[in-house]
Protein backbone atom coordinates (compact mmCIF):
# COMPACT_ATOMS: atom_id res chain seq x y z
CA UNK A 1 1.37 -24.76 2.09
CA UNK A 2 1.20 -25.20 -1.68
CA UNK A 3 2.99 -28.14 -3.29
CA UNK A 4 3.78 -29.13 -6.88
CA UNK A 5 5.70 -32.02 -8.43
CA UNK A 6 7.52 -31.48 -11.72
CA UNK A 7 9.89 -33.42 -13.95
CA UNK A 8 13.14 -31.64 -14.82
CA UNK A 9 13.16 -30.96 -18.58
CA UNK A 10 16.58 -29.29 -18.94
CA UNK A 11 19.02 -31.64 -20.64
CA UNK A 12 21.73 -30.82 -18.08
CA UNK A 13 19.35 -31.00 -15.13
CA UNK A 14 19.34 -28.25 -12.53
CA UNK A 15 22.94 -27.27 -13.08
CA UNK A 16 24.65 -24.03 -14.09
CA UNK A 17 22.38 -21.84 -16.24
CA UNK A 18 19.06 -23.67 -15.60
CA UNK A 19 19.73 -23.57 -11.84
CA UNK A 20 20.54 -19.85 -11.97
CA UNK A 21 17.35 -19.08 -13.90
CA UNK A 22 15.27 -21.16 -11.45
CA UNK A 23 16.86 -19.54 -8.37
CA UNK A 24 16.26 -16.07 -9.83
CA UNK A 25 12.61 -16.89 -10.51
CA UNK A 26 12.15 -18.40 -7.04
CA UNK A 27 13.73 -15.30 -5.47
CA UNK A 28 11.45 -13.01 -7.48
CA UNK A 29 8.35 -14.62 -5.94
CA UNK A 30 9.16 -13.04 -2.57
CA UNK A 31 7.97 -16.26 -0.91
CA UNK A 32 9.66 -19.01 1.07
CA UNK A 33 10.10 -21.61 -1.68
CA UNK A 34 11.75 -24.99 -1.18
CA UNK A 35 12.73 -27.72 -3.62
CA UNK A 36 13.45 -31.38 -2.91
CA UNK A 37 13.80 -34.73 -4.54
CA UNK A 38 10.97 -37.00 -3.35
CA UNK A 39 11.85 -38.50 0.03
CA UNK A 40 14.81 -36.17 0.61
CA UNK A 41 15.20 -33.05 2.74
CA UNK A 42 14.18 -29.82 0.98
CA UNK A 43 16.59 -27.00 0.22
CA UNK A 44 15.98 -23.27 -0.11
CA UNK A 45 15.01 -22.67 -3.73
CA UNK A 46 16.57 -19.20 -3.60
CA UNK A 47 20.02 -20.63 -2.85
CA UNK A 48 22.10 -21.44 -5.94
CA UNK A 49 24.40 -23.66 -3.88
CA UNK A 50 21.45 -25.53 -2.36
CA UNK A 51 19.74 -26.05 -5.71
CA UNK A 52 22.92 -27.24 -7.43
CA UNK A 53 23.79 -29.53 -4.47
CA UNK A 54 20.39 -31.15 -4.91
CA UNK A 55 21.80 -32.78 -8.02
CA UNK A 56 18.46 -32.95 -9.86
CA UNK A 57 19.06 -34.50 -13.28
CA UNK A 58 17.09 -34.52 -16.53
CA UNK A 59 13.94 -36.62 -16.17
CA UNK A 60 13.97 -36.67 -12.37
CA UNK A 61 11.04 -35.42 -10.33
CA UNK A 62 11.33 -32.65 -7.77
CA UNK A 63 8.81 -31.34 -5.28
CA UNK A 64 8.32 -27.60 -4.88
CA UNK A 65 6.66 -26.07 -1.83
CA UNK A 66 5.81 -22.46 -0.99
CA UNK A 67 3.98 -20.61 1.71
CA UNK A 68 2.23 -17.26 1.63
CA UNK A 69 -0.14 -15.20 -0.48
CA UNK A 70 0.18 -16.16 -4.13
CA UNK A 71 1.97 -19.46 -3.40
CA UNK A 72 -0.14 -21.44 -5.89
CA UNK A 73 0.49 -18.98 -8.70
CA UNK A 74 4.19 -18.77 -7.87
CA UNK A 75 4.59 -22.54 -7.94
CA UNK A 76 2.66 -22.79 -11.20
CA UNK A 77 5.13 -20.38 -12.83
CA UNK A 78 8.13 -22.27 -11.39
CA UNK A 79 6.69 -25.57 -12.65
CA UNK A 80 6.29 -24.05 -16.11
CA UNK A 81 9.93 -22.92 -15.99
CA UNK A 82 11.29 -26.33 -14.97
CA UNK A 83 9.12 -28.04 -17.61
CA UNK A 84 11.16 -26.35 -20.36
CA UNK A 85 14.68 -27.23 -21.57
CA UNK A 86 16.25 -24.03 -20.24
CA UNK A 87 19.67 -24.99 -21.51
CA UNK A 88 18.42 -25.10 -25.09
CA UNK A 89 16.87 -21.62 -24.99
């Protein structure tokens, strides 16, 4: 299982548009991807309700995990996405 930790760069956190863009990207990987705040239970990264319920705010760290062929590359692209201020784009 591949794992990455990233700091949320979007000024509004993982809410509304940034969450939708992240969920779309996670879905497009075709892998089982999960996201969690450190020490909390993970949620399905392809579920908009799960991701928004996570309540990840600007500057907070989240942990991404994925399993399957291409998991490392998929997580690297998701980390790059979350490292940008998606709300400002």
